[in-house]
Amino acid sequence: MTAAPWTLRALRRALASGTTSPSQLAEAALARCNGNAGRNTYLWQDAVWTRAEAARAETMPRSHGGPFGDGHPALWGLPISVKDCFDLAGSPTSCGVRFYRDLNGTAARDSWLVEQLRAAGAVIVGKTHLHPLAYGITGENPEFGDCVQPRDAGALTGGSSSGAVASVQEGSAVAAIGTDTGGSVRAPAALAGLAGYRASIGRGDWRGGAHLSVTFDTMGWLFRDLEDAPLLAAPFASVENQQELRFTRFAFLGDNFLHDCEPEVMEGFRRVIGELQALGLEAASIEVEWWQDSIDVFAPLQASEAALLHAGNFDRCEPSIRDRLKWGASFTPAEVTSLRQRHAEFRARMDGLFAVHQLILLPSTPVARLAAGADHSQTRSRLLRYTSPFSLAGVPAVAIPCAFGGMQLAAARGFDEPLLALAAKIGARRNTSSEA
């Protein structure tokens, strides 16, 4: 077994050189599964199936070249976890709720996203824990247990991509599929010290994936090393969708918006500003008082769409989500139309910001840790204030880990690849500094 660190590049180089194999990596991943205190990183897993997937990857024909010169795609042979809101043939899809696990039964075919992963030779380790219905940002789940961090049993992972975070932290996956509607990749990445990528709205195909809010749902990844970021774009977009741009400038949020950030988070914010400047980007501070209305547009629109998807099943959900769904169902068609108009206006203003500044940086969350067992009844609204503006804009974002908390850096819709390339430059600079 290779002693290479569990980053995508390190493991793929080991695979390309023959110093390890997909089967060996799968065995190492399986040995580390469910390493958190709740033993609930995964809601579905079948070690025999995963081993068979690793063996299948080993028999996949080689082409020529490839990112690691071995004729295989970037994800070939790598242990990957998938959030349990995407169908995988032969397994149930719970969406974090036992009622839906039992109602859905065994999936007859793979979701589109799982098809992409398996075609690339990725080895799926299992389907991960999530906040019920993917409708929450803490990772608390009364039916399957709250998801705590493998390296800090007193801290929640954040959500809704909670098991995705745990799988990367514990080393049962080198990268994890998540989703991000209102911050479900960015927030847990920040709270767990991981990197993340939220794709542009519309990237990927949701066939076989359970929506929460069609208007806002995006696909994404959790992973360790920013330098790996460009390797993760492929499953969500064809080459035709890629846009090229060399970023030269960025904006960062001024102190007025960041008034409730913890001091350690602000220190990380200033460090990332410096890192971007060191890469040659010009910085400008902006104030965006109109962002204060973002939750007032995002939350009711999200709730109204979720209520339609889960109509008739509200009482199958835990009380806070049940009440949120009932609230969403209470909006009249005229009110929803008004909200959509406000959304369009907000999105247009965001497009204007990106046209001027190219990139926008702010903390992903104002806090660095969510204590397990604490009262988090107000946590969702506090965190959504930071994440919902980019959700309303439908833009791609990378989550940049810091010593405490993490930052989110966003670009205009469709500029995923240039954004991921910039994230890799930040990662390379950090890796070089750590090796010096």
Foldseek 3Di string as FASTA:
>chain_A
DDPFDLALVRVVLCCLVVVDALLRLLVVLLVLQLLAPLSALFPDFDSVQLNVLRVVLVPDDADAQEPNGRRAHSQASFEEEEALQFADAQAFRAQLFVVRSVVRDGDHHGFLLVVLCSVRHHRYGHHGAFDRNQPFFFQAHPPSGRQAASVDNFFGLTARNRSQLNSQRSSSGQKYKDKPQLQRFQQSCQQNQWKKKWAFQPFADCGRGRDLANLQITIMMTHHFLLCLLSPPPSRHDPVLADDDAAAFAEEEDCVLLVLADPVLVVQLVVVVVLVVVVRHHYDYDYDPVLQCLCVLRLLNSLLRNLVSCPPCLVSGPDVSSVSNVSNVPDDPVRNVVSVVVLVVLLVVVVVVCVVGQKYKDFQASFQTDGPPDDCPPVRVRNSSRRRSCSSNSWMWMWAGDPGGTMIMTGHHSNRNSRSVVSSVSRVVVVVVVVD
